[in-house]
N, C-alpha and C. Protein backbone atom coordinates (compact mmCIF):
# COMPACT_ATOMS: atom_id res chain seq x y z
N UNK A 1 0.85 -1.20 0.00
CA UNK A 1 0.00 0.00 0.00
C UNK A 1 0.89 1.25 0.00
N UNK A 2 0.53 2.22 -0.78
CA UNK A 2 1.38 3.38 -1.00
C UNK A 2 1.52 4.24 0.25
N UNK A 3 2.76 4.59 0.56
CA UNK A 3 3.02 5.48 1.69
C UNK A 3 2.53 6.89 1.36
N UNK A 4 2.09 7.57 2.40
CA UNK A 4 1.56 8.93 2.24
C UNK A 4 2.13 9.85 3.30
N UNK A 5 2.38 11.10 2.89
CA UNK A 5 2.69 12.17 3.83
C UNK A 5 1.63 13.25 3.63
N UNK A 6 0.79 13.42 4.63
CA UNK A 6 -0.26 14.45 4.56
C UNK A 6 0.08 15.56 5.54
N UNK A 7 -0.60 16.68 5.36
CA UNK A 7 -0.15 17.91 6.02
C UNK A 7 -1.34 18.81 6.33
N UNK A 8 -1.28 19.44 7.49
CA UNK A 8 -2.23 20.49 7.84
C UNK A 8 -1.47 21.61 8.52
N UNK A 9 -2.04 22.79 8.47
CA UNK A 9 -1.50 23.94 9.21
C UNK A 9 -2.58 24.40 10.18
N UNK A 10 -2.22 24.50 11.45
CA UNK A 10 -3.16 25.00 12.45
C UNK A 10 -2.62 26.29 13.06
N UNK A 11 -3.51 27.13 13.49
CA UNK A 11 -3.13 28.45 14.04
C UNK A 11 -3.52 28.55 15.51
N UNK A 12 -2.65 29.21 16.27
CA UNK A 12 -2.92 29.40 17.69
C UNK A 12 -1.84 30.22 18.32
N UNK A 13 -1.45 29.85 19.54
CA UNK A 13 -0.43 30.63 20.25
C UNK A 13 0.66 29.71 20.78
N UNK A 14 1.81 30.31 21.05
CA UNK A 14 2.92 29.68 21.75
C UNK A 14 3.25 30.55 22.95
N UNK A 15 3.33 29.93 24.14
CA UNK A 15 3.62 30.69 25.36
C UNK A 15 4.75 30.03 26.13
N UNK A 16 5.71 30.86 26.54
CA UNK A 16 6.80 30.40 27.40
C UNK A 16 7.49 31.62 27.99
N UNK A 17 7.99 31.49 29.19
CA UNK A 17 8.73 32.57 29.85
C UNK A 17 7.91 33.86 29.96
N UNK A 18 6.60 33.70 30.14
CA UNK A 18 5.74 34.86 30.34
C UNK A 18 5.39 35.63 29.09
N UNK A 19 5.74 35.10 27.93
CA UNK A 19 5.41 35.75 26.66
C UNK A 19 4.53 34.83 25.83
N UNK A 20 3.68 35.44 25.01
CA UNK A 20 2.79 34.67 24.14
C UNK A 20 2.87 35.24 22.73
N UNK A 21 2.93 34.34 21.75
CA UNK A 21 3.06 34.72 20.34
C UNK A 21 2.03 33.97 19.52
N UNK A 22 1.52 34.61 18.48
CA UNK A 22 0.67 33.93 17.51
C UNK A 22 1.54 33.11 16.58
N UNK A 23 1.13 31.87 16.32
CA UNK A 23 1.93 30.97 15.49
C UNK A 23 1.03 30.14 14.57
N UNK A 24 1.61 29.74 13.45
CA UNK A 24 1.03 28.73 12.56
C UNK A 24 1.93 27.51 12.62
N UNK A 25 1.35 26.36 12.89
CA UNK A 25 2.12 25.13 13.05
C UNK A 25 1.81 24.13 11.95
N UNK A 26 2.85 23.45 11.48
CA UNK A 26 2.66 22.32 10.59
C UNK A 26 2.34 21.07 11.40
N UNK A 27 1.39 20.30 10.92
CA UNK A 27 1.11 18.96 11.45
C UNK A 27 1.35 17.98 10.31
N UNK A 28 2.18 16.99 10.56
CA UNK A 28 2.51 15.99 9.55
C UNK A 28 1.87 14.67 9.94
N UNK A 29 1.23 14.04 8.95
CA UNK A 29 0.59 12.74 9.15
C UNK A 29 1.21 11.78 8.15
N UNK A 30 1.87 10.74 8.68
CA UNK A 30 2.66 9.82 7.85
C UNK A 30 2.07 8.43 7.98
N UNK A 31 1.89 7.75 6.84
CA UNK A 31 1.38 6.39 6.89
C UNK A 31 0.95 5.90 5.53
N UNK A 32 -0.16 5.16 5.51
CA UNK A 32 -0.73 4.72 4.24
C UNK A 32 -2.24 4.93 4.30
N UNK A 33 -3.00 4.16 3.54
CA UNK A 33 -4.44 4.40 3.49
C UNK A 33 -5.20 3.82 4.68
N UNK A 34 -4.52 3.02 5.50
CA UNK A 34 -5.22 2.38 6.62
C UNK A 34 -4.72 2.80 7.99
N UNK A 35 -3.45 3.21 8.09
CA UNK A 35 -2.93 3.61 9.40
C UNK A 35 -1.91 4.73 9.24
N UNK A 36 -1.69 5.45 10.34
CA UNK A 36 -0.79 6.61 10.27
C UNK A 36 -0.27 6.96 11.65
N UNK A 37 0.75 7.80 11.67
CA UNK A 37 1.17 8.48 12.89
C UNK A 37 0.98 9.97 12.69
N UNK A 38 0.73 10.67 13.78
CA UNK A 38 0.58 12.13 13.76
C UNK A 38 1.79 12.73 14.44
N UNK A 39 2.48 13.63 13.75
CA UNK A 39 3.62 14.32 14.32
C UNK A 39 3.17 15.69 14.81
N UNK A 40 3.05 15.81 16.13
CA UNK A 40 2.64 17.02 16.85
C UNK A 40 1.13 17.25 16.79
N UNK A 41 0.63 17.82 17.87
CA UNK A 41 -0.80 18.09 18.02
C UNK A 41 -0.95 19.48 18.62
N UNK A 42 -0.87 20.51 17.77
CA UNK A 42 -0.76 21.88 18.27
C UNK A 42 -2.03 22.49 18.83
N UNK A 43 -3.02 22.76 17.97
CA UNK A 43 -4.10 23.65 18.38
C UNK A 43 -5.51 23.15 18.10
N UNK A 44 -5.68 22.23 17.16
CA UNK A 44 -7.01 21.99 16.60
C UNK A 44 -7.19 20.51 16.29
N UNK A 45 -7.86 19.80 17.19
CA UNK A 45 -8.08 18.36 16.99
C UNK A 45 -8.88 18.09 15.73
N UNK A 46 -9.91 18.89 15.48
CA UNK A 46 -10.76 18.64 14.31
C UNK A 46 -9.96 18.73 13.01
N UNK A 47 -9.06 19.71 12.92
CA UNK A 47 -8.25 19.85 11.71
C UNK A 47 -7.33 18.64 11.52
N UNK A 48 -6.77 18.15 12.61
CA UNK A 48 -5.91 16.98 12.52
C UNK A 48 -6.71 15.75 12.12
N UNK A 49 -7.88 15.58 12.69
CA UNK A 49 -8.70 14.41 12.38
C UNK A 49 -9.20 14.43 10.94
N UNK A 50 -9.35 15.61 10.38
CA UNK A 50 -9.72 15.68 8.96
C UNK A 50 -8.61 15.12 8.08
N UNK A 51 -7.37 15.38 8.46
CA UNK A 51 -6.25 14.83 7.70
C UNK A 51 -6.13 13.33 7.91
N UNK A 52 -6.35 12.88 9.12
CA UNK A 52 -6.27 11.45 9.43
C UNK A 52 -7.37 10.68 8.70
N UNK A 53 -8.57 11.24 8.66
CA UNK A 53 -9.71 10.55 8.06
C UNK A 53 -10.10 9.35 8.89
N UNK A 54 -10.37 8.22 8.20
CA UNK A 54 -10.82 7.03 8.93
C UNK A 54 -9.69 6.06 9.23
N UNK A 55 -8.45 6.53 9.11
CA UNK A 55 -7.31 5.67 9.38
C UNK A 55 -7.08 5.46 10.88
N UNK A 56 -6.45 4.34 11.21
CA UNK A 56 -6.06 4.09 12.59
C UNK A 56 -4.81 4.89 12.90
N UNK A 57 -4.82 5.62 14.00
CA UNK A 57 -3.64 6.38 14.42
C UNK A 57 -2.81 5.48 15.33
N UNK A 58 -1.60 5.13 14.87
CA UNK A 58 -0.72 4.23 15.60
C UNK A 58 -0.11 4.94 16.81
N UNK A 59 0.25 6.21 16.62
CA UNK A 59 0.87 6.97 17.71
C UNK A 59 0.83 8.45 17.40
N UNK A 60 0.89 9.25 18.45
CA UNK A 60 1.06 10.70 18.35
C UNK A 60 2.49 10.97 18.79
N UNK A 61 3.32 11.41 17.86
CA UNK A 61 4.75 11.60 18.12
C UNK A 61 5.03 13.08 18.33
N UNK A 62 5.58 13.42 19.47
CA UNK A 62 5.87 14.82 19.77
C UNK A 62 7.31 15.13 19.40
N UNK A 63 7.49 16.09 18.50
CA UNK A 63 8.86 16.52 18.19
C UNK A 63 9.50 17.19 19.39
N UNK A 64 8.68 17.85 20.21
CA UNK A 64 9.11 18.42 21.49
C UNK A 64 7.86 18.87 22.22
N UNK A 65 8.02 19.38 23.43
CA UNK A 65 6.85 19.60 24.30
C UNK A 65 6.49 21.05 24.53
N UNK A 66 6.93 21.97 23.67
CA UNK A 66 6.38 23.32 23.75
C UNK A 66 4.88 23.27 23.53
N UNK A 67 4.17 24.21 24.15
CA UNK A 67 2.71 24.09 24.16
C UNK A 67 2.09 24.13 22.77
N UNK A 68 2.74 24.79 21.82
CA UNK A 68 2.18 24.86 20.47
C UNK A 68 2.45 23.58 19.67
N UNK A 69 3.00 22.56 20.31
CA UNK A 69 3.20 21.27 19.64
C UNK A 69 2.47 20.14 20.35
N UNK A 70 2.04 20.34 21.59
CA UNK A 70 1.38 19.25 22.34
C UNK A 70 0.08 19.67 23.02
N UNK A 71 -0.39 20.87 22.75
CA UNK A 71 -1.54 21.37 23.53
C UNK A 71 -2.75 20.45 23.43
N UNK A 72 -3.07 19.95 22.24
CA UNK A 72 -4.27 19.12 22.10
C UNK A 72 -3.92 17.64 22.00
N UNK A 73 -2.68 17.28 22.33
CA UNK A 73 -2.29 15.86 22.25
C UNK A 73 -3.18 14.96 23.12
N UNK A 74 -3.47 15.31 24.38
CA UNK A 74 -4.34 14.43 25.16
C UNK A 74 -5.74 14.29 24.56
N UNK A 75 -6.27 15.38 24.03
CA UNK A 75 -7.60 15.31 23.41
C UNK A 75 -7.57 14.43 22.17
N UNK A 76 -6.52 14.56 21.38
CA UNK A 76 -6.39 13.72 20.18
C UNK A 76 -6.20 12.26 20.57
N UNK A 77 -5.43 12.01 21.62
CA UNK A 77 -5.23 10.64 22.09
C UNK A 77 -6.55 10.02 22.53
N UNK A 78 -7.35 10.80 23.24
CA UNK A 78 -8.64 10.29 23.70
C UNK A 78 -9.56 10.00 22.52
N UNK A 79 -9.50 10.83 21.50
CA UNK A 79 -10.38 10.66 20.34
C UNK A 79 -9.98 9.48 19.48
N UNK A 80 -8.67 9.17 19.45
CA UNK A 80 -8.18 8.16 18.51
C UNK A 80 -7.72 6.87 19.19
N UNK A 81 -7.49 6.91 20.50
CA UNK A 81 -6.95 5.76 21.19
C UNK A 81 -5.46 5.57 21.02
N UNK A 82 -4.79 6.54 20.42
CA UNK A 82 -3.36 6.43 20.13
C UNK A 82 -2.53 6.91 21.32
N UNK A 83 -1.38 6.29 21.57
CA UNK A 83 -0.51 6.74 22.64
C UNK A 83 0.28 7.97 22.23
N UNK A 84 0.58 8.82 23.22
CA UNK A 84 1.45 9.99 23.02
C UNK A 84 2.86 9.59 23.41
N UNK A 85 3.81 9.79 22.50
CA UNK A 85 5.20 9.43 22.76
C UNK A 85 6.05 10.70 22.76
N UNK A 86 6.89 10.86 23.79
CA UNK A 86 7.70 12.05 23.98
C UNK A 86 9.06 11.64 24.54
N UNK A 87 10.11 12.33 24.13
CA UNK A 87 11.41 12.07 24.73
C UNK A 87 11.40 12.53 26.18
N UNK A 88 11.90 11.71 27.11
CA UNK A 88 11.79 12.05 28.54
C UNK A 88 12.49 13.34 28.94
N UNK A 89 13.49 13.77 28.16
CA UNK A 89 14.19 15.01 28.52
C UNK A 89 13.30 16.24 28.36
N UNK A 90 12.17 16.08 27.66
CA UNK A 90 11.24 17.20 27.50
C UNK A 90 10.08 17.15 28.49
N UNK A 91 10.15 16.24 29.44
CA UNK A 91 9.05 16.14 30.40
C UNK A 91 8.87 17.44 31.19
N UNK A 92 9.95 18.16 31.45
CA UNK A 92 9.85 19.42 32.20
C UNK A 92 8.96 20.42 31.45
N UNK A 93 9.05 20.44 30.13
CA UNK A 93 8.21 21.33 29.34
C UNK A 93 6.78 20.79 29.22
N UNK A 94 6.66 19.49 29.05
CA UNK A 94 5.33 18.87 29.00
C UNK A 94 4.54 19.20 30.27
N UNK A 95 5.20 19.13 31.41
CA UNK A 95 4.51 19.35 32.68
C UNK A 95 4.03 20.80 32.84
N UNK A 96 4.65 21.73 32.13
CA UNK A 96 4.16 23.10 32.13
C UNK A 96 2.82 23.21 31.41
N UNK A 97 2.61 22.33 30.44
CA UNK A 97 1.39 22.37 29.61
C UNK A 97 0.31 21.46 30.19
N UNK A 98 0.73 20.28 30.64
CA UNK A 98 -0.23 19.26 31.10
C UNK A 98 0.20 18.74 32.48
N UNK A 99 0.17 19.59 33.50
CA UNK A 99 0.58 19.12 34.83
C UNK A 99 -0.31 17.99 35.31
N UNK A 100 0.32 16.96 35.85
CA UNK A 100 -0.43 15.84 36.40
C UNK A 100 -0.87 14.82 35.37
N UNK A 101 -0.51 15.01 34.12
CA UNK A 101 -0.89 14.07 33.07
C UNK A 101 0.37 13.65 32.31
N UNK A 102 0.73 12.40 32.41
CA UNK A 102 1.97 11.92 31.78
C UNK A 102 1.73 11.49 30.34
N UNK A 103 2.74 11.62 29.47
CA UNK A 103 2.66 10.99 28.16
C UNK A 103 2.54 9.48 28.34
N UNK A 104 2.17 8.79 27.26
CA UNK A 104 1.94 7.34 27.36
C UNK A 104 3.21 6.53 27.20
N UNK A 105 4.23 7.11 26.59
CA UNK A 105 5.46 6.37 26.37
C UNK A 105 6.58 7.30 26.00
N UNK A 106 7.78 6.74 25.88
CA UNK A 106 8.97 7.54 25.64
C UNK A 106 9.53 7.29 24.25
N UNK A 107 10.13 8.33 23.70
CA UNK A 107 10.93 8.23 22.48
C UNK A 107 12.39 8.11 22.89
N UNK A 108 13.14 7.28 22.17
CA UNK A 108 14.56 7.12 22.44
C UNK A 108 15.34 7.24 21.14
N UNK A 109 16.55 7.75 21.25
CA UNK A 109 17.39 7.90 20.07
C UNK A 109 17.63 6.54 19.42
N UNK A 110 17.43 6.48 18.10
CA UNK A 110 17.61 5.24 17.38
C UNK A 110 16.39 4.35 17.31
N UNK A 111 15.37 4.66 18.09
CA UNK A 111 14.12 3.89 18.06
C UNK A 111 13.52 3.93 16.66
N UNK A 112 12.94 2.82 16.24
CA UNK A 112 12.27 2.76 14.93
C UNK A 112 10.79 2.53 15.13
N UNK A 113 10.00 3.37 14.49
CA UNK A 113 8.54 3.30 14.58
C UNK A 113 8.03 2.96 13.19
N UNK A 114 7.34 1.84 13.07
CA UNK A 114 6.84 1.39 11.78
C UNK A 114 5.35 1.68 11.67
N UNK A 115 5.00 2.32 10.56
CA UNK A 115 3.59 2.58 10.27
C UNK A 115 3.37 2.24 8.80
N UNK A 116 2.48 1.28 8.55
CA UNK A 116 2.36 0.76 7.19
C UNK A 116 3.70 0.16 6.80
N UNK A 117 4.20 0.55 5.64
CA UNK A 117 5.51 0.08 5.18
C UNK A 117 6.61 1.11 5.45
N UNK A 118 6.28 2.16 6.18
CA UNK A 118 7.24 3.24 6.42
C UNK A 118 7.87 3.10 7.80
N UNK A 119 9.18 3.22 7.84
CA UNK A 119 9.91 3.22 9.11
C UNK A 119 10.38 4.63 9.41
N UNK A 120 10.03 5.12 10.58
CA UNK A 120 10.51 6.41 11.07
C UNK A 120 11.56 6.14 12.14
N UNK A 121 12.76 6.66 11.92
CA UNK A 121 13.84 6.48 12.89
C UNK A 121 13.96 7.75 13.73
N UNK A 122 13.95 7.59 15.04
CA UNK A 122 14.01 8.71 15.96
C UNK A 122 15.45 9.20 16.06
N UNK A 123 15.64 10.49 15.85
CA UNK A 123 16.93 11.14 16.04
C UNK A 123 16.77 12.16 17.17
N UNK A 124 17.45 11.95 18.27
CA UNK A 124 17.41 12.93 19.36
C UNK A 124 18.23 14.13 18.92
N UNK A 125 17.58 15.27 18.76
CA UNK A 125 18.24 16.48 18.25
C UNK A 125 17.99 17.64 19.21
N UNK A 126 18.59 17.60 20.39
CA UNK A 126 18.33 18.64 21.39
C UNK A 126 18.92 19.99 20.99
N UNK A 127 18.45 21.01 21.69
CA UNK A 127 18.93 22.37 21.48
C UNK A 127 17.78 23.36 21.55
N UNK A 128 16.77 23.17 20.70
CA UNK A 128 15.56 23.98 20.83
C UNK A 128 14.87 23.66 22.14
N UNK A 129 14.94 22.40 22.51
CA UNK A 129 14.52 21.93 23.83
C UNK A 129 15.35 20.69 24.15
N UNK A 130 15.39 20.28 25.41
CA UNK A 130 16.28 19.17 25.78
C UNK A 130 15.93 17.85 25.11
N UNK A 131 14.65 17.62 24.90
CA UNK A 131 14.21 16.34 24.35
C UNK A 131 13.72 16.42 22.92
N UNK A 132 14.09 17.47 22.22
CA UNK A 132 13.64 17.62 20.82
C UNK A 132 14.09 16.42 19.99
N UNK A 133 13.19 15.92 19.17
CA UNK A 133 13.48 14.79 18.30
C UNK A 133 13.09 15.10 16.86
N UNK A 134 13.86 14.54 15.94
CA UNK A 134 13.51 14.54 14.52
C UNK A 134 13.21 13.10 14.13
N UNK A 135 12.49 12.95 13.03
CA UNK A 135 12.06 11.63 12.59
C UNK A 135 12.47 11.44 11.13
N UNK A 136 13.38 10.51 10.90
CA UNK A 136 13.92 10.28 9.56
C UNK A 136 13.20 9.11 8.92
N UNK A 137 12.66 9.34 7.74
CA UNK A 137 12.00 8.29 6.97
C UNK A 137 12.81 8.05 5.70
N UNK A 138 13.82 7.17 5.74
CA UNK A 138 14.70 6.98 4.57
C UNK A 138 13.95 6.61 3.30
N UNK A 139 12.94 5.76 3.42
CA UNK A 139 12.22 5.32 2.23
C UNK A 139 11.45 6.45 1.57
N UNK A 140 11.12 7.47 2.35
CA UNK A 140 10.40 8.62 1.81
C UNK A 140 11.34 9.74 1.40
N UNK A 141 12.63 9.58 1.71
CA UNK A 141 13.58 10.65 1.43
C UNK A 141 13.26 11.91 2.19
N UNK A 142 12.83 11.74 3.46
CA UNK A 142 12.34 12.88 4.23
C UNK A 142 12.77 12.79 5.68
N UNK A 143 12.89 13.95 6.31
CA UNK A 143 13.09 14.03 7.75
C UNK A 143 12.16 15.12 8.29
N UNK A 144 11.55 14.82 9.41
CA UNK A 144 10.61 15.73 10.06
C UNK A 144 11.33 16.31 11.26
N UNK A 145 11.63 17.61 11.22
CA UNK A 145 12.58 18.19 12.16
C UNK A 145 11.94 19.02 13.27
N UNK A 146 10.63 19.12 13.33
CA UNK A 146 10.03 19.95 14.36
C UNK A 146 10.59 21.35 14.28
N UNK A 147 11.07 21.87 15.42
CA UNK A 147 11.63 23.22 15.45
C UNK A 147 13.16 23.20 15.56
N UNK A 148 13.77 22.09 15.14
CA UNK A 148 15.24 22.01 15.19
C UNK A 148 15.87 22.68 13.98
N UNK A 149 15.38 22.37 12.78
CA UNK A 149 15.94 22.94 11.55
C UNK A 149 14.81 23.45 10.67
N UNK A 150 14.95 24.69 10.25
CA UNK A 150 14.00 25.34 9.35
C UNK A 150 14.67 25.69 8.03
N UNK A 151 13.86 26.13 7.07
CA UNK A 151 14.41 26.75 5.88
C UNK A 151 15.07 28.06 6.31
N UNK A 152 16.39 28.09 6.30
CA UNK A 152 17.09 29.30 6.71
C UNK A 152 17.88 29.18 8.00
N UNK A 153 17.79 28.04 8.68
CA UNK A 153 18.64 27.90 9.85
C UNK A 153 18.01 27.19 11.02
N UNK A 154 18.71 27.23 12.15
CA UNK A 154 18.24 26.53 13.35
C UNK A 154 16.99 27.16 13.95
N UNK A 155 16.28 26.34 14.74
CA UNK A 155 15.17 26.87 15.52
C UNK A 155 15.65 27.81 16.61
N UNK A 156 14.72 28.50 17.21
CA UNK A 156 15.04 29.51 18.22
C UNK A 156 15.65 28.86 19.46
N UNK A 157 16.61 29.59 20.06
CA UNK A 157 17.24 29.10 21.29
C UNK A 157 17.35 30.20 22.34
N UNK A 158 16.48 31.20 22.29
CA UNK A 158 16.57 32.32 23.21
C UNK A 158 15.72 32.19 24.45
N UNK A 159 15.08 31.03 24.64
CA UNK A 159 14.17 30.88 25.77
C UNK A 159 14.64 29.76 26.69
N UNK A 160 13.93 29.58 27.78
CA UNK A 160 14.30 28.57 28.78
C UNK A 160 14.43 27.19 28.15
N UNK A 161 15.37 26.43 28.66
CA UNK A 161 15.60 25.04 28.28
C UNK A 161 16.12 24.89 26.85
N UNK A 162 16.69 25.96 26.28
CA UNK A 162 17.24 25.88 24.93
C UNK A 162 18.71 26.31 24.95
N UNK A 163 19.44 25.90 23.89
CA UNK A 163 20.87 26.22 23.85
C UNK A 163 21.35 26.21 22.41
N UNK A 164 21.97 27.32 21.99
CA UNK A 164 22.38 27.46 20.59
C UNK A 164 23.48 26.48 20.20
N UNK A 165 24.51 26.35 21.03
CA UNK A 165 25.60 25.43 20.69
C UNK A 165 25.09 24.00 20.53
N UNK A 166 24.13 23.64 21.37
CA UNK A 166 23.59 22.28 21.32
C UNK A 166 22.78 22.05 20.05
N UNK A 167 21.94 23.02 19.66
CA UNK A 167 21.13 22.82 18.47
C UNK A 167 22.01 22.77 17.22
N UNK A 168 23.06 23.58 17.17
CA UNK A 168 23.96 23.55 16.01
C UNK A 168 24.67 22.20 15.92
N UNK A 169 25.07 21.67 17.07
CA UNK A 169 25.72 20.36 17.08
C UNK A 169 24.74 19.27 16.63
N UNK A 170 23.50 19.36 17.07
CA UNK A 170 22.49 18.40 16.63
C UNK A 170 22.30 18.45 15.12
N UNK A 171 22.19 19.65 14.59
CA UNK A 171 21.99 19.81 13.15
C UNK A 171 23.20 19.31 12.39
N UNK A 172 24.38 19.66 12.86
CA UNK A 172 25.62 19.30 12.15
C UNK A 172 25.83 17.80 12.12
N UNK A 173 25.59 17.14 13.25
CA UNK A 173 25.95 15.72 13.35
C UNK A 173 24.80 14.77 13.03
N UNK A 174 23.55 15.22 13.19
CA UNK A 174 22.42 14.30 13.02
C UNK A 174 21.62 14.56 11.76
N UNK A 175 21.55 15.82 11.32
CA UNK A 175 20.69 16.17 10.19
C UNK A 175 21.47 16.44 8.91
N UNK A 176 22.53 17.23 9.00
CA UNK A 176 23.29 17.55 7.78
C UNK A 176 24.10 16.36 7.27
N UNK A 177 24.15 15.29 8.04
CA UNK A 177 24.79 14.06 7.59
C UNK A 177 23.85 13.18 6.78
N UNK A 178 22.57 13.53 6.70
CA UNK A 178 21.62 12.78 5.87
C UNK A 178 21.86 13.11 4.40
N UNK A 179 21.37 12.29 3.47
CA UNK A 179 21.57 12.58 2.05
C UNK A 179 21.09 13.98 1.68
N UNK A 180 21.83 14.63 0.79
CA UNK A 180 21.57 16.04 0.46
C UNK A 180 20.17 16.27 -0.08
N UNK A 181 19.59 15.26 -0.75
CA UNK A 181 18.27 15.45 -1.34
C UNK A 181 17.13 15.13 -0.37
N UNK A 182 17.48 14.87 0.89
CA UNK A 182 16.46 14.61 1.90
C UNK A 182 15.60 15.86 2.11
N UNK A 183 14.29 15.70 1.97
CA UNK A 183 13.37 16.81 2.18
C UNK A 183 13.17 17.02 3.67
N UNK A 184 13.29 18.27 4.10
CA UNK A 184 13.13 18.63 5.51
C UNK A 184 11.73 19.21 5.70
N UNK A 185 10.89 18.46 6.39
CA UNK A 185 9.54 18.92 6.73
C UNK A 185 9.61 19.52 8.13
N UNK A 186 9.30 20.79 8.24
CA UNK A 186 9.56 21.55 9.46
C UNK A 186 8.30 21.73 10.32
N UNK A 187 8.52 22.22 11.53
CA UNK A 187 7.42 22.47 12.44
C UNK A 187 6.63 23.73 12.14
N UNK A 188 7.27 24.66 11.44
CA UNK A 188 6.63 25.90 11.03
C UNK A 188 7.21 26.28 9.66
N UNK A 189 6.39 26.81 8.78
CA UNK A 189 6.91 27.34 7.53
C UNK A 189 7.15 26.30 6.46
N UNK A 190 7.99 26.68 5.49
CA UNK A 190 8.16 25.90 4.27
C UNK A 190 9.16 24.76 4.44
N UNK A 191 9.02 23.78 3.56
CA UNK A 191 10.01 22.71 3.45
C UNK A 191 11.34 23.27 2.94
N UNK A 192 12.39 22.49 3.18
CA UNK A 192 13.69 22.76 2.58
C UNK A 192 14.33 21.41 2.31
N UNK A 193 15.63 21.38 2.02
CA UNK A 193 16.35 20.12 1.88
C UNK A 193 17.65 20.20 2.68
N UNK A 194 18.20 19.06 2.99
CA UNK A 194 19.49 19.03 3.68
C UNK A 194 20.54 19.74 2.86
N UNK A 195 20.54 19.49 1.54
CA UNK A 195 21.52 20.11 0.67
C UNK A 195 21.41 21.62 0.58
N UNK A 196 20.20 22.14 0.72
CA UNK A 196 20.01 23.59 0.66
C UNK A 196 20.52 24.27 1.92
N UNK A 197 20.46 23.58 3.06
CA UNK A 197 20.84 24.19 4.33
C UNK A 197 22.31 23.97 4.68
N UNK A 198 22.88 22.85 4.28
CA UNK A 198 24.24 22.48 4.71
C UNK A 198 25.29 23.55 4.44
N UNK A 199 25.26 24.25 3.29
CA UNK A 199 26.33 25.22 3.04
C UNK A 199 26.32 26.43 3.97
N UNK A 200 25.27 26.60 4.76
CA UNK A 200 25.10 27.82 5.56
C UNK A 200 25.49 27.64 7.02
N UNK A 201 26.03 26.49 7.37
CA UNK A 201 26.35 26.22 8.77
C UNK A 201 27.26 27.29 9.38
N UNK A 202 28.30 27.69 8.66
CA UNK A 202 29.22 28.69 9.20
C UNK A 202 28.55 30.05 9.36
N UNK A 203 27.59 30.36 8.48
CA UNK A 203 26.84 31.61 8.62
C UNK A 203 26.04 31.61 9.92
N UNK A 204 25.41 30.48 10.23
CA UNK A 204 24.63 30.39 11.46
C UNK A 204 25.53 30.55 12.68
N UNK A 205 26.69 29.92 12.63
CA UNK A 205 27.62 30.04 13.74
C UNK A 205 28.08 31.49 13.92
N UNK A 206 28.31 32.17 12.80
CA UNK A 206 28.79 33.55 12.86
C UNK A 206 27.74 34.49 13.43
N UNK A 207 26.48 34.26 13.09
CA UNK A 207 25.43 35.16 13.57
C UNK A 207 24.99 34.79 14.97
N UNK A 208 25.24 33.55 15.38
CA UNK A 208 24.97 33.14 16.75
C UNK A 208 23.52 32.83 17.07
N UNK A 209 22.72 32.61 16.05
CA UNK A 209 21.32 32.20 16.28
C UNK A 209 20.76 31.60 15.01
């Protein structure tokens, strides 16, 4: 059965360190015609369920636990019966959003999640947050980077629990080592490719963000 990558954009807010911003988030749904995984659950369960359709949701995979990526994850889990998986290093951020409610399971570096005929390999890519993860799908020629790598550079590192040197190291060693034609599906904004971003590493280091 043919693998599919479906996509929705939801709008809402991101809040941390006493500040709130309006944001548009990408939601990626990967699978085939019968089952799928959902990458991030930002603002709107109905919008996500429209993309899922009548497929079985195998898991809700959190790229990280900022509120604009997990706010409706429990509601989506209840609606679909799917477990929420999060890297344990991001539990501190998860607890700011959902105190007293634990994720259903953990993501670990190197873990492989199979949905349909597609294998997603978990890459722990900290920096934007301690437990940030990317998901590499070699058969699709794609990597889903959350807020670690965007078209134009690294994700933001100016807030609590983030670190610029760490995110650059994650990108350099875990993402830019993927094949150059790998499509980068991001947490916000447009797609890019590994090959398009790799030449700019020194520019990012020079500007410091």
